[in-house]
């Protein structure tokens, strides 16, 4: 679905940070925010980006100097994004829904499966202290598969 000029947008990078911030909020905050964000970012090995879906495979992690491409691509920031990750299978998916009710209905379906972590991404969360995790993907010409 093409963007209209008046639709709010978020970069892939911004959506990932918001998804991980939401995950940190729901995690009980046992580790520092920056450490949580950095460790969440560093395990991404493959990223597939579509206008209303973002799929990531996780693995051994990013080496110094490596980064994921497509981070500046723009996605919808209206409606709601739902995070669904299955740690045992090393993947997570972010899926766009036109409204909170649709996202909550899908969330209930996923929770019934009981095989992963799922939540609606809170796009209003803000970082405690901008730091190293904020700049992932900005510094190297080396790119991973996308």
N, C-alpha and C. Protein backbone atom coordinates (compact mmCIF):
# COMPACT_ATOMS: atom_id res chain seq x y z
N UNK A 1 0.85 -1.17 0.00
CA UNK A 1 0.00 0.00 0.00
C UNK A 1 0.90 1.24 0.00
N UNK A 2 0.74 2.12 -0.97
CA UNK A 2 1.61 3.30 -1.05
C UNK A 2 1.30 4.29 0.06
N UNK A 3 2.32 5.08 0.41
CA UNK A 3 2.15 6.12 1.43
C UNK A 3 1.39 7.29 0.83
N UNK A 4 0.56 7.89 1.67
CA UNK A 4 0.00 9.19 1.33
C UNK A 4 0.91 10.23 1.97
N UNK A 5 0.91 11.42 1.43
CA UNK A 5 1.78 12.48 1.96
C UNK A 5 1.49 12.80 3.42
N UNK A 6 0.25 12.60 3.86
CA UNK A 6 -0.11 12.97 5.23
C UNK A 6 0.04 11.82 6.23
N UNK A 7 0.50 10.65 5.79
CA UNK A 7 0.67 9.53 6.71
C UNK A 7 1.95 9.68 7.52
N UNK A 8 1.87 9.46 8.83
CA UNK A 8 3.10 9.47 9.62
C UNK A 8 3.96 8.26 9.26
N UNK A 9 5.27 8.43 9.31
CA UNK A 9 6.20 7.37 8.93
C UNK A 9 7.25 7.21 10.01
N UNK A 10 7.83 6.02 10.03
CA UNK A 10 8.93 5.72 10.94
C UNK A 10 9.95 4.91 10.16
N UNK A 11 11.22 5.16 10.43
CA UNK A 11 12.26 4.38 9.75
C UNK A 11 12.30 2.97 10.33
N UNK A 12 12.85 2.04 9.58
CA UNK A 12 13.03 0.68 10.07
C UNK A 12 13.82 0.72 11.37
N UNK A 13 14.88 1.50 11.37
CA UNK A 13 15.72 1.65 12.56
C UNK A 13 14.90 2.17 13.74
N UNK A 14 14.08 3.18 13.51
CA UNK A 14 13.24 3.73 14.57
C UNK A 14 12.24 2.71 15.09
N UNK A 15 11.64 1.95 14.19
CA UNK A 15 10.69 0.92 14.60
C UNK A 15 11.38 -0.16 15.42
N UNK A 16 12.57 -0.58 14.99
CA UNK A 16 13.32 -1.58 15.76
C UNK A 16 13.62 -1.06 17.17
N UNK A 17 14.10 0.18 17.26
CA UNK A 17 14.38 0.74 18.59
C UNK A 17 13.12 0.79 19.44
N UNK A 18 11.99 1.19 18.87
CA UNK A 18 10.74 1.25 19.63
C UNK A 18 10.30 -0.15 20.06
N UNK A 19 10.47 -1.13 19.17
CA UNK A 19 10.10 -2.51 19.52
C UNK A 19 10.96 -3.01 20.67
N UNK A 20 12.27 -2.74 20.61
CA UNK A 20 13.16 -3.20 21.67
C UNK A 20 12.94 -2.42 22.97
N UNK A 21 12.62 -1.12 22.86
CA UNK A 21 12.28 -0.35 24.06
C UNK A 21 11.04 -0.93 24.74
N UNK A 22 10.04 -1.28 23.93
CA UNK A 22 8.83 -1.89 24.48
C UNK A 22 9.17 -3.22 25.14
N UNK A 23 10.02 -4.01 24.48
CA UNK A 23 10.46 -5.28 25.06
C UNK A 23 11.16 -5.09 26.39
N UNK A 24 12.00 -4.06 26.47
CA UNK A 24 12.70 -3.77 27.72
C UNK A 24 11.71 -3.39 28.82
N UNK A 25 10.73 -2.56 28.48
CA UNK A 25 9.71 -2.17 29.45
C UNK A 25 8.99 -3.40 29.99
N UNK A 26 8.70 -4.37 29.13
CA UNK A 26 7.97 -5.57 29.52
C UNK A 26 8.86 -6.62 30.17
N UNK A 27 10.18 -6.45 30.06
CA UNK A 27 11.11 -7.45 30.57
C UNK A 27 11.35 -7.38 32.07
N UNK A 28 10.86 -6.36 32.70
CA UNK A 28 11.12 -6.18 34.12
C UNK A 28 12.34 -5.32 34.39
N UNK A 29 13.00 -4.88 33.33
CA UNK A 29 14.12 -3.94 33.42
C UNK A 29 15.26 -4.45 34.31
N UNK A 30 15.52 -5.75 34.23
CA UNK A 30 16.56 -6.36 35.06
C UNK A 30 17.97 -5.95 34.63
N UNK A 31 18.13 -5.58 33.36
CA UNK A 31 19.43 -5.11 32.89
C UNK A 31 19.28 -3.67 32.42
N UNK A 32 20.37 -2.91 32.37
CA UNK A 32 20.27 -1.52 31.92
C UNK A 32 19.67 -1.42 30.51
N UNK A 33 18.93 -0.36 30.29
CA UNK A 33 18.24 -0.16 29.02
C UNK A 33 19.19 -0.25 27.83
N UNK A 34 20.32 0.44 27.91
CA UNK A 34 21.25 0.46 26.80
C UNK A 34 21.81 -0.93 26.50
N UNK A 35 22.10 -1.69 27.53
CA UNK A 35 22.61 -3.05 27.35
C UNK A 35 21.56 -3.93 26.68
N UNK A 36 20.30 -3.78 27.09
CA UNK A 36 19.19 -4.54 26.48
C UNK A 36 19.05 -4.19 25.00
N UNK A 37 19.05 -2.89 24.70
CA UNK A 37 18.90 -2.45 23.32
C UNK A 37 20.06 -2.93 22.46
N UNK A 38 21.27 -2.76 22.96
CA UNK A 38 22.45 -3.15 22.21
C UNK A 38 22.46 -4.66 21.94
N UNK A 39 22.13 -5.47 22.95
CA UNK A 39 22.13 -6.92 22.74
C UNK A 39 21.01 -7.34 21.80
N UNK A 40 19.89 -6.64 21.81
CA UNK A 40 18.79 -6.96 20.88
C UNK A 40 19.17 -6.64 19.45
N UNK A 41 19.86 -5.54 19.25
CA UNK A 41 20.27 -5.10 17.92
C UNK A 41 21.37 -6.00 17.36
N UNK A 42 22.32 -6.35 18.18
CA UNK A 42 23.52 -7.06 17.73
C UNK A 42 23.27 -8.48 17.25
N UNK A 43 22.13 -9.08 17.55
CA UNK A 43 21.88 -10.46 17.11
C UNK A 43 21.22 -10.54 15.74
N UNK A 44 20.83 -9.42 15.17
CA UNK A 44 20.16 -9.44 13.86
C UNK A 44 21.18 -9.81 12.78
N UNK A 45 20.88 -10.86 12.03
CA UNK A 45 21.76 -11.27 10.94
C UNK A 45 21.12 -11.03 9.58
N UNK A 46 19.82 -11.11 9.52
CA UNK A 46 19.13 -10.95 8.24
C UNK A 46 17.86 -10.16 8.50
N UNK A 47 17.58 -9.23 7.61
CA UNK A 47 16.41 -8.38 7.76
C UNK A 47 15.69 -8.30 6.43
N UNK A 48 14.41 -8.60 6.43
CA UNK A 48 13.58 -8.46 5.24
C UNK A 48 12.53 -7.40 5.53
N UNK A 49 12.48 -6.38 4.69
CA UNK A 49 11.61 -5.24 4.93
C UNK A 49 10.57 -5.15 3.83
N UNK A 50 9.32 -5.07 4.23
CA UNK A 50 8.20 -4.80 3.33
C UNK A 50 7.41 -3.66 3.96
N UNK A 51 6.53 -3.02 3.21
CA UNK A 51 5.85 -1.83 3.75
C UNK A 51 5.10 -2.06 5.07
N UNK A 52 4.55 -3.25 5.26
CA UNK A 52 3.76 -3.49 6.46
C UNK A 52 4.26 -4.68 7.27
N UNK A 53 5.47 -5.14 6.97
CA UNK A 53 6.06 -6.28 7.67
C UNK A 53 7.56 -6.11 7.75
N UNK A 54 8.12 -6.52 8.87
CA UNK A 54 9.56 -6.54 9.03
C UNK A 54 9.90 -7.90 9.65
N UNK A 55 10.73 -8.69 8.97
CA UNK A 55 11.11 -10.01 9.45
C UNK A 55 12.61 -10.03 9.69
N UNK A 56 13.02 -10.54 10.84
CA UNK A 56 14.44 -10.60 11.16
C UNK A 56 14.83 -11.98 11.65
N UNK A 57 15.99 -12.44 11.18
CA UNK A 57 16.57 -13.66 11.69
C UNK A 57 17.72 -13.28 12.61
N UNK A 58 17.85 -14.03 13.69
CA UNK A 58 18.88 -13.76 14.68
C UNK A 58 19.92 -14.86 14.64
N UNK A 59 21.12 -14.53 15.04
CA UNK A 59 22.18 -15.52 15.04
C UNK A 59 23.31 -15.14 15.96
N UNK A 60 24.53 -15.33 15.48
CA UNK A 60 25.71 -15.08 16.29
C UNK A 60 25.94 -13.60 16.58
N UNK A 61 25.29 -12.76 15.82
CA UNK A 61 25.37 -11.35 16.10
C UNK A 61 26.24 -10.59 15.12
N UNK A 62 26.15 -9.28 15.20
CA UNK A 62 26.92 -8.40 14.34
C UNK A 62 28.33 -8.25 14.89
N UNK A 63 29.28 -8.33 14.01
CA UNK A 63 30.66 -8.07 14.40
C UNK A 63 30.91 -6.57 14.33
N UNK A 64 31.92 -6.10 14.98
CA UNK A 64 32.25 -4.67 14.88
C UNK A 64 32.42 -4.31 13.42
N UNK A 65 31.77 -3.26 13.00
CA UNK A 65 31.87 -2.81 11.62
C UNK A 65 30.77 -3.33 10.72
N UNK A 66 30.05 -4.37 11.13
CA UNK A 66 28.95 -4.88 10.31
C UNK A 66 27.66 -4.14 10.67
N UNK A 67 26.78 -4.05 9.72
CA UNK A 67 25.46 -3.51 10.03
C UNK A 67 24.43 -4.05 9.05
N UNK A 68 23.20 -3.83 9.38
CA UNK A 68 22.08 -4.28 8.56
C UNK A 68 21.66 -3.13 7.65
N UNK A 69 21.39 -3.43 6.38
CA UNK A 69 20.92 -2.35 5.51
C UNK A 69 19.40 -2.23 5.60
N UNK A 70 18.84 -1.28 4.88
CA UNK A 70 17.41 -0.94 4.87
C UNK A 70 16.97 -0.21 6.14
N UNK A 71 17.89 0.18 7.00
CA UNK A 71 17.50 0.79 8.27
C UNK A 71 16.82 2.14 8.09
N UNK A 72 17.11 2.83 7.02
CA UNK A 72 16.50 4.15 6.80
C UNK A 72 15.22 4.07 5.97
N UNK A 73 14.85 2.89 5.49
CA UNK A 73 13.58 2.74 4.77
C UNK A 73 12.44 3.20 5.68
N UNK A 74 11.40 3.76 5.07
CA UNK A 74 10.27 4.27 5.86
C UNK A 74 9.10 3.29 5.85
N UNK A 75 8.50 3.16 7.02
CA UNK A 75 7.33 2.31 7.23
C UNK A 75 6.21 3.15 7.82
N UNK A 76 5.04 2.59 7.87
CA UNK A 76 3.88 3.29 8.42
C UNK A 76 4.05 3.52 9.92
N UNK A 77 3.64 4.68 10.39
CA UNK A 77 3.65 4.95 11.82
C UNK A 77 2.24 5.23 12.34
N UNK A 78 1.24 5.01 11.47
CA UNK A 78 -0.14 5.08 11.94
C UNK A 78 -0.54 3.65 12.33
N UNK A 79 -1.71 3.46 12.85
CA UNK A 79 -2.12 2.12 13.23
C UNK A 79 -1.29 1.59 14.38
N UNK A 80 -0.98 0.29 14.33
CA UNK A 80 -0.22 -0.35 15.42
C UNK A 80 0.70 -1.41 14.84
N UNK A 81 1.87 -1.56 15.45
CA UNK A 81 2.83 -2.60 15.08
C UNK A 81 2.84 -3.65 16.18
N UNK A 82 2.80 -4.91 15.77
CA UNK A 82 2.80 -6.03 16.69
C UNK A 82 4.12 -6.78 16.56
N UNK A 83 4.79 -7.00 17.68
CA UNK A 83 6.05 -7.77 17.73
C UNK A 83 5.71 -9.21 18.09
N UNK A 84 6.29 -10.15 17.33
CA UNK A 84 6.14 -11.57 17.64
C UNK A 84 7.49 -12.22 17.43
N UNK A 85 8.06 -12.77 18.47
CA UNK A 85 9.36 -13.41 18.37
C UNK A 85 9.35 -14.79 18.98
N UNK A 86 10.05 -15.72 18.34
CA UNK A 86 10.19 -17.07 18.87
C UNK A 86 11.68 -17.31 19.06
N UNK A 87 12.13 -17.18 20.29
CA UNK A 87 13.55 -17.26 20.60
C UNK A 87 14.14 -18.61 20.19
N UNK A 88 13.40 -19.70 20.41
CA UNK A 88 13.91 -21.03 20.08
C UNK A 88 14.16 -21.19 18.58
N UNK A 89 13.48 -20.40 17.76
CA UNK A 89 13.65 -20.48 16.31
C UNK A 89 14.44 -19.30 15.74
N UNK A 90 14.93 -18.43 16.62
CA UNK A 90 15.81 -17.31 16.24
C UNK A 90 15.22 -16.37 15.20
N UNK A 91 13.98 -15.96 15.40
CA UNK A 91 13.41 -14.96 14.50
C UNK A 91 12.44 -14.07 15.27
N UNK A 92 12.20 -12.90 14.70
CA UNK A 92 11.08 -12.08 15.16
C UNK A 92 10.46 -11.40 13.96
N UNK A 93 9.21 -11.02 14.12
CA UNK A 93 8.42 -10.42 13.07
C UNK A 93 7.72 -9.20 13.65
N UNK A 94 7.72 -8.11 12.91
CA UNK A 94 6.92 -6.94 13.25
C UNK A 94 5.89 -6.77 12.14
N UNK A 95 4.63 -6.74 12.51
CA UNK A 95 3.53 -6.69 11.54
C UNK A 95 2.67 -5.47 11.84
N UNK A 96 2.31 -4.72 10.79
CA UNK A 96 1.48 -3.53 10.94
C UNK A 96 0.00 -3.91 10.91
N UNK A 97 -0.79 -3.25 11.74
CA UNK A 97 -2.25 -3.41 11.78
C UNK A 97 -2.87 -2.03 11.71
N UNK A 98 -4.05 -1.91 11.07
CA UNK A 98 -4.63 -0.58 10.86
C UNK A 98 -5.08 0.13 12.13
N UNK A 99 -5.29 -0.62 13.22
CA UNK A 99 -5.73 0.00 14.47
C UNK A 99 -5.36 -0.88 15.66
N UNK A 100 -5.50 -0.33 16.85
CA UNK A 100 -5.16 -1.05 18.08
C UNK A 100 -6.03 -2.30 18.25
N UNK A 101 -7.32 -2.19 17.90
CA UNK A 101 -8.23 -3.32 18.09
C UNK A 101 -7.78 -4.53 17.26
N UNK A 102 -7.38 -4.29 16.02
CA UNK A 102 -6.90 -5.38 15.16
C UNK A 102 -5.63 -5.99 15.73
N UNK A 103 -4.73 -5.14 16.19
CA UNK A 103 -3.47 -5.62 16.77
C UNK A 103 -3.73 -6.42 18.04
N UNK A 104 -4.64 -5.94 18.89
CA UNK A 104 -4.96 -6.65 20.12
C UNK A 104 -5.62 -8.00 19.84
N UNK A 105 -6.46 -8.08 18.81
CA UNK A 105 -7.08 -9.35 18.43
C UNK A 105 -6.02 -10.36 18.00
N UNK A 106 -5.07 -9.92 17.18
CA UNK A 106 -3.98 -10.81 16.75
C UNK A 106 -3.09 -11.18 17.93
N UNK A 107 -2.84 -10.22 18.82
CA UNK A 107 -2.05 -10.49 20.02
C UNK A 107 -2.69 -11.62 20.84
N UNK A 108 -4.00 -11.58 21.00
CA UNK A 108 -4.70 -12.63 21.74
C UNK A 108 -4.52 -13.99 21.06
N UNK A 109 -4.59 -14.02 19.73
CA UNK A 109 -4.37 -15.27 18.99
C UNK A 109 -2.96 -15.80 19.23
N UNK A 110 -1.96 -14.92 19.17
CA UNK A 110 -0.57 -15.33 19.37
C UNK A 110 -0.32 -15.79 20.80
N UNK A 111 -0.90 -15.09 21.76
CA UNK A 111 -0.73 -15.49 23.16
C UNK A 111 -1.31 -16.88 23.40
N UNK A 112 -2.38 -17.23 22.69
CA UNK A 112 -2.98 -18.55 22.83
C UNK A 112 -2.03 -19.66 22.34
N UNK A 113 -1.17 -19.33 21.38
CA UNK A 113 -0.19 -20.31 20.90
C UNK A 113 0.84 -20.64 21.98
N UNK A 114 1.21 -19.63 22.76
CA UNK A 114 2.12 -19.82 23.88
C UNK A 114 3.54 -20.19 23.51
N UNK A 115 3.98 -19.89 22.29
CA UNK A 115 5.31 -20.32 21.87
C UNK A 115 6.30 -19.19 21.66
N UNK A 116 5.97 -18.00 22.05
CA UNK A 116 6.89 -16.90 21.80
C UNK A 116 6.61 -15.72 22.69
N UNK A 117 7.23 -14.60 22.32
CA UNK A 117 7.02 -13.33 23.00
C UNK A 117 6.27 -12.44 22.03
N UNK A 118 5.23 -11.81 22.49
CA UNK A 118 4.44 -10.95 21.63
C UNK A 118 3.91 -9.76 22.41
N UNK A 119 3.87 -8.62 21.72
CA UNK A 119 3.34 -7.41 22.33
C UNK A 119 3.13 -6.36 21.25
N UNK A 120 2.25 -5.40 21.56
CA UNK A 120 2.04 -4.27 20.67
C UNK A 120 3.16 -3.26 20.98
N UNK A 121 3.83 -2.79 19.95
CA UNK A 121 4.95 -1.85 20.10
C UNK A 121 4.41 -0.48 20.50
N UNK A 122 5.02 0.09 21.53
CA UNK A 122 4.66 1.42 21.99
C UNK A 122 5.57 2.43 21.30
N UNK A 123 5.02 3.16 20.34
CA UNK A 123 5.81 4.13 19.58
C UNK A 123 6.05 5.43 20.34
N UNK A 124 5.49 5.56 21.54
CA UNK A 124 5.66 6.80 22.30
C UNK A 124 6.81 6.73 23.31
N UNK A 125 7.40 5.56 23.50
CA UNK A 125 8.48 5.43 24.48
C UNK A 125 9.70 6.23 24.05
N UNK A 126 10.45 6.72 25.03
CA UNK A 126 11.67 7.49 24.78
C UNK A 126 12.83 6.86 25.52
N UNK A 127 14.01 6.98 24.94
CA UNK A 127 15.22 6.46 25.56
C UNK A 127 15.51 7.20 26.85
N UNK A 128 16.07 6.50 27.83
CA UNK A 128 16.51 7.16 29.06
C UNK A 128 17.70 8.06 28.77
N UNK A 129 18.71 7.50 28.11
CA UNK A 129 19.91 8.24 27.75
C UNK A 129 20.37 7.78 26.37
N UNK A 130 20.32 8.65 25.38
CA UNK A 130 20.84 8.24 24.08
C UNK A 130 22.29 7.78 24.23
N UNK A 131 22.63 6.71 23.54
CA UNK A 131 23.97 6.16 23.69
C UNK A 131 24.34 5.34 22.46
N UNK A 132 25.34 4.50 22.61
CA UNK A 132 25.89 3.71 21.53
C UNK A 132 24.81 2.94 20.76
N UNK A 133 23.84 2.34 21.44
CA UNK A 133 22.82 1.54 20.79
C UNK A 133 22.01 2.36 19.78
N UNK A 134 21.93 3.66 20.03
CA UNK A 134 21.17 4.55 19.16
C UNK A 134 21.76 4.62 17.75
N UNK A 135 23.04 4.33 17.62
CA UNK A 135 23.73 4.57 16.36
C UNK A 135 24.05 3.30 15.59
N UNK A 136 23.40 2.21 15.90
CA UNK A 136 23.69 0.98 15.16
C UNK A 136 23.43 1.19 13.67
N UNK A 137 24.28 0.60 12.87
CA UNK A 137 24.10 0.67 11.43
C UNK A 137 24.63 1.92 10.78
N UNK A 138 25.22 2.84 11.51
CA UNK A 138 25.62 4.12 10.93
C UNK A 138 27.08 4.20 10.48
N UNK A 139 27.91 3.24 10.84
CA UNK A 139 29.33 3.52 10.74
C UNK A 139 30.14 2.69 9.75
N UNK A 140 29.55 1.77 9.02
CA UNK A 140 30.39 0.89 8.23
C UNK A 140 29.83 0.62 6.85
N UNK A 141 30.72 0.47 5.86
CA UNK A 141 30.26 0.12 4.54
C UNK A 141 29.95 -1.38 4.40
N UNK A 142 30.35 -2.20 5.37
CA UNK A 142 30.08 -3.63 5.31
C UNK A 142 28.60 -3.85 5.58
N UNK A 143 27.96 -4.65 4.73
CA UNK A 143 26.52 -4.86 4.93
C UNK A 143 26.22 -6.36 4.97
N UNK A 144 25.27 -6.71 5.82
CA UNK A 144 24.82 -8.08 5.90
C UNK A 144 23.71 -8.30 4.88
N UNK A 145 23.31 -9.54 4.74
CA UNK A 145 22.22 -9.87 3.82
C UNK A 145 20.96 -9.10 4.24
N UNK A 146 20.13 -8.81 3.27
CA UNK A 146 18.87 -8.17 3.61
C UNK A 146 17.78 -8.69 2.71
